């Protein structure tokens, strides 16, 4: 895990509710991500973590939900 100082972060001027939505998405990704996953699944989760929007598309949401069902005991 890396720590980044606030002065190094780019501001996207998100609203507080959007920040909360992004935190929820990040938490979900972190719960399912592990080095033991297939490379394609790791790359998908990494891509979701790099999105510059505070929501998932319907398809992204479905895939993440499926991964949560498959991976989280």
N, C-alpha and C. Protein backbone atom coordinates (compact mmCIF):
# COMPACT_ATOMS: atom_id res chain seq x y z
N UNK A 1 0.85 -1.17 0.00
CA UNK A 1 0.00 0.00 0.00
C UNK A 1 0.90 1.24 0.00
N UNK A 2 0.48 2.26 -0.73
CA UNK A 2 1.23 3.50 -0.83
C UNK A 2 0.47 4.63 -0.15
N UNK A 3 1.21 5.60 0.38
CA UNK A 3 0.61 6.79 0.93
C UNK A 3 1.06 7.97 0.09
N UNK A 4 0.11 8.79 -0.30
CA UNK A 4 0.39 9.96 -1.14
C UNK A 4 -0.06 11.20 -0.39
N UNK A 5 0.81 12.21 -0.37
CA UNK A 5 0.46 13.46 0.28
C UNK A 5 -0.61 14.20 -0.50
N UNK A 6 -1.48 14.91 0.22
CA UNK A 6 -2.57 15.63 -0.44
C UNK A 6 -2.06 16.63 -1.47
N UNK A 7 -0.89 17.20 -1.24
CA UNK A 7 -0.36 18.20 -2.16
C UNK A 7 -0.02 17.59 -3.52
N UNK A 8 0.07 16.25 -3.61
CA UNK A 8 0.41 15.59 -4.86
C UNK A 8 -0.82 15.08 -5.62
N UNK A 9 -1.99 15.26 -5.05
CA UNK A 9 -3.20 14.76 -5.67
C UNK A 9 -3.81 15.82 -6.58
N UNK A 10 -4.30 15.38 -7.70
CA UNK A 10 -4.98 16.28 -8.62
C UNK A 10 -6.44 16.41 -8.19
N UNK A 11 -6.94 17.62 -8.15
CA UNK A 11 -8.32 17.84 -7.76
C UNK A 11 -9.23 17.69 -8.97
N UNK A 12 -10.29 16.92 -8.80
CA UNK A 12 -11.29 16.78 -9.85
C UNK A 12 -12.57 17.51 -9.45
N UNK A 13 -12.52 18.25 -8.34
CA UNK A 13 -13.66 19.03 -7.85
C UNK A 13 -14.91 18.17 -7.68
N UNK A 14 -14.73 17.00 -7.07
CA UNK A 14 -15.86 16.13 -6.81
C UNK A 14 -16.69 16.70 -5.66
N UNK A 15 -17.98 16.48 -5.73
CA UNK A 15 -18.86 16.82 -4.63
C UNK A 15 -18.66 15.81 -3.51
N UNK A 16 -19.00 16.18 -2.27
CA UNK A 16 -18.84 15.23 -1.16
C UNK A 16 -19.53 13.89 -1.40
N UNK A 17 -20.72 13.91 -1.98
CA UNK A 17 -21.43 12.65 -2.24
C UNK A 17 -20.67 11.81 -3.27
N UNK A 18 -20.05 12.46 -4.24
CA UNK A 18 -19.26 11.73 -5.23
C UNK A 18 -18.02 11.12 -4.58
N UNK A 19 -17.42 11.83 -3.65
CA UNK A 19 -16.26 11.29 -2.92
C UNK A 19 -16.67 10.05 -2.13
N UNK A 20 -17.85 10.10 -1.53
CA UNK A 20 -18.34 8.94 -0.77
C UNK A 20 -18.59 7.76 -1.71
N UNK A 21 -19.15 8.03 -2.88
CA UNK A 21 -19.41 6.96 -3.85
C UNK A 21 -18.09 6.35 -4.31
N UNK A 22 -17.09 7.18 -4.54
CA UNK A 22 -15.79 6.67 -4.97
C UNK A 22 -15.15 5.83 -3.87
N UNK A 23 -15.33 6.23 -2.61
CA UNK A 23 -14.77 5.46 -1.50
C UNK A 23 -15.43 4.09 -1.42
N UNK A 24 -16.73 4.02 -1.64
CA UNK A 24 -17.44 2.74 -1.62
C UNK A 24 -16.90 1.83 -2.72
N UNK A 25 -16.73 2.37 -3.92
CA UNK A 25 -16.19 1.58 -5.04
C UNK A 25 -14.78 1.09 -4.70
N UNK A 26 -13.96 1.98 -4.17
CA UNK A 26 -12.58 1.62 -3.80
C UNK A 26 -12.56 0.51 -2.75
N UNK A 27 -13.41 0.63 -1.75
CA UNK A 27 -13.49 -0.40 -0.70
C UNK A 27 -13.90 -1.75 -1.29
N UNK A 28 -14.85 -1.74 -2.20
CA UNK A 28 -15.30 -2.98 -2.83
C UNK A 28 -14.17 -3.62 -3.63
N UNK A 29 -13.43 -2.80 -4.39
CA UNK A 29 -12.31 -3.31 -5.18
C UNK A 29 -11.25 -3.91 -4.26
N UNK A 30 -10.92 -3.21 -3.19
CA UNK A 30 -9.90 -3.69 -2.26
C UNK A 30 -10.29 -5.00 -1.60
N UNK A 31 -11.58 -5.22 -1.35
CA UNK A 31 -12.02 -6.47 -0.72
C UNK A 31 -11.82 -7.68 -1.63
N UNK A 32 -11.92 -7.48 -2.93
CA UNK A 32 -11.80 -8.64 -3.83
C UNK A 32 -10.43 -8.78 -4.47
N UNK A 33 -9.63 -7.72 -4.46
CA UNK A 33 -8.33 -7.76 -5.15
C UNK A 33 -7.31 -8.56 -4.34
N UNK A 34 -6.60 -9.45 -5.01
CA UNK A 34 -5.48 -10.16 -4.39
C UNK A 34 -4.53 -10.62 -5.48
N UNK A 35 -3.32 -10.91 -5.08
CA UNK A 35 -2.31 -11.35 -6.05
C UNK A 35 -2.61 -12.74 -6.59
N UNK A 36 -3.52 -13.46 -5.94
CA UNK A 36 -3.86 -14.80 -6.39
C UNK A 36 -4.90 -14.85 -7.51
N UNK A 37 -5.43 -13.70 -7.88
CA UNK A 37 -6.43 -13.66 -8.95
C UNK A 37 -5.79 -13.83 -10.31
N UNK A 38 -6.59 -14.24 -11.26
CA UNK A 38 -6.11 -14.32 -12.64
C UNK A 38 -5.72 -12.92 -13.09
N UNK A 39 -4.72 -12.85 -13.98
CA UNK A 39 -4.20 -11.56 -14.43
C UNK A 39 -5.28 -10.68 -15.04
N UNK A 40 -6.17 -11.26 -15.82
CA UNK A 40 -7.22 -10.46 -16.47
C UNK A 40 -8.16 -9.84 -15.43
N UNK A 41 -8.45 -10.57 -14.35
CA UNK A 41 -9.31 -10.04 -13.29
C UNK A 41 -8.58 -8.93 -12.54
N UNK A 42 -7.30 -9.14 -12.25
CA UNK A 42 -6.51 -8.10 -11.61
C UNK A 42 -6.52 -6.82 -12.44
N UNK A 43 -6.30 -6.95 -13.74
CA UNK A 43 -6.26 -5.78 -14.63
C UNK A 43 -7.61 -5.07 -14.66
N UNK A 44 -8.69 -5.82 -14.68
CA UNK A 44 -10.03 -5.22 -14.66
C UNK A 44 -10.22 -4.40 -13.39
N UNK A 45 -9.87 -4.98 -12.23
CA UNK A 45 -10.02 -4.26 -10.97
C UNK A 45 -9.11 -3.03 -10.91
N UNK A 46 -7.89 -3.17 -11.43
CA UNK A 46 -6.98 -2.02 -11.47
C UNK A 46 -7.57 -0.91 -12.33
N UNK A 47 -8.16 -1.26 -13.46
CA UNK A 47 -8.77 -0.27 -14.34
C UNK A 47 -9.93 0.43 -13.65
N UNK A 48 -10.75 -0.31 -12.92
CA UNK A 48 -11.84 0.31 -12.18
C UNK A 48 -11.31 1.32 -11.17
N UNK A 49 -10.20 0.99 -10.53
CA UNK A 49 -9.62 1.88 -9.54
C UNK A 49 -9.04 3.16 -10.13
N UNK A 50 -8.82 3.18 -11.44
CA UNK A 50 -8.25 4.36 -12.09
C UNK A 50 -9.29 5.24 -12.77
N UNK A 51 -10.56 4.86 -12.70
CA UNK A 51 -11.60 5.65 -13.34
C UNK A 51 -11.69 7.04 -12.72
N UNK A 52 -11.94 8.04 -13.55
CA UNK A 52 -12.07 9.41 -13.07
C UNK A 52 -13.54 9.82 -12.98
N UNK A 53 -14.35 8.88 -12.52
CA UNK A 53 -15.77 9.17 -12.32
C UNK A 53 -16.22 8.46 -11.06
N UNK A 54 -17.29 8.98 -10.49
CA UNK A 54 -17.73 8.50 -9.19
C UNK A 54 -18.82 7.43 -9.28
N UNK A 55 -18.87 6.74 -10.39
CA UNK A 55 -19.89 5.70 -10.56
C UNK A 55 -19.35 4.61 -11.47
N UNK A 56 -20.02 3.47 -11.44
CA UNK A 56 -19.72 2.38 -12.35
C UNK A 56 -20.85 2.29 -13.37
N UNK A 57 -20.51 1.89 -14.59
CA UNK A 57 -21.56 1.63 -15.57
C UNK A 57 -22.32 0.39 -15.12
N UNK A 58 -23.46 0.14 -15.73
CA UNK A 58 -24.25 -1.05 -15.37
C UNK A 58 -23.42 -2.32 -15.54
N UNK A 59 -22.68 -2.42 -16.64
CA UNK A 59 -21.88 -3.62 -16.89
C UNK A 59 -20.73 -3.73 -15.88
N UNK A 60 -20.05 -2.64 -15.59
CA UNK A 60 -18.97 -2.67 -14.60
C UNK A 60 -19.51 -3.10 -13.24
N UNK A 61 -20.67 -2.57 -12.88
CA UNK A 61 -21.31 -2.94 -11.61
C UNK A 61 -21.64 -4.43 -11.57
N UNK A 62 -22.16 -4.96 -12.66
CA UNK A 62 -22.50 -6.39 -12.71
C UNK A 62 -21.26 -7.26 -12.58
N UNK A 63 -20.18 -6.90 -13.27
CA UNK A 63 -18.96 -7.69 -13.20
C UNK A 63 -18.36 -7.63 -11.80
N UNK A 64 -18.30 -6.43 -11.21
CA UNK A 64 -17.76 -6.31 -9.85
C UNK A 64 -18.61 -7.10 -8.86
N UNK A 65 -19.92 -7.03 -9.00
CA UNK A 65 -20.82 -7.79 -8.12
C UNK A 65 -20.58 -9.29 -8.25
N UNK A 66 -20.40 -9.76 -9.47
CA UNK A 66 -20.12 -11.18 -9.70
C UNK A 66 -18.80 -11.58 -9.04
N UNK A 67 -17.78 -10.74 -9.19
CA UNK A 67 -16.49 -11.03 -8.55
C UNK A 67 -16.64 -11.08 -7.03
N UNK A 68 -17.44 -10.18 -6.47
CA UNK A 68 -17.66 -10.19 -5.03
C UNK A 68 -18.32 -11.50 -4.60
N UNK A 69 -19.29 -11.98 -5.38
CA UNK A 69 -19.96 -13.25 -5.05
C UNK A 69 -19.00 -14.43 -5.15
N UNK A 70 -18.11 -14.40 -6.13
CA UNK A 70 -17.20 -15.50 -6.36
C UNK A 70 -16.01 -15.52 -5.38
N UNK A 71 -15.56 -14.36 -4.97
CA UNK A 71 -14.30 -14.26 -4.23
C UNK A 71 -14.48 -14.09 -2.73
N UNK A 72 -15.45 -13.30 -2.32
CA UNK A 72 -15.63 -13.03 -0.88
C UNK A 72 -16.41 -14.17 -0.27
N UNK A 73 -15.81 -14.81 0.76
CA UNK A 73 -16.49 -15.96 1.38
C UNK A 73 -17.75 -15.57 2.14
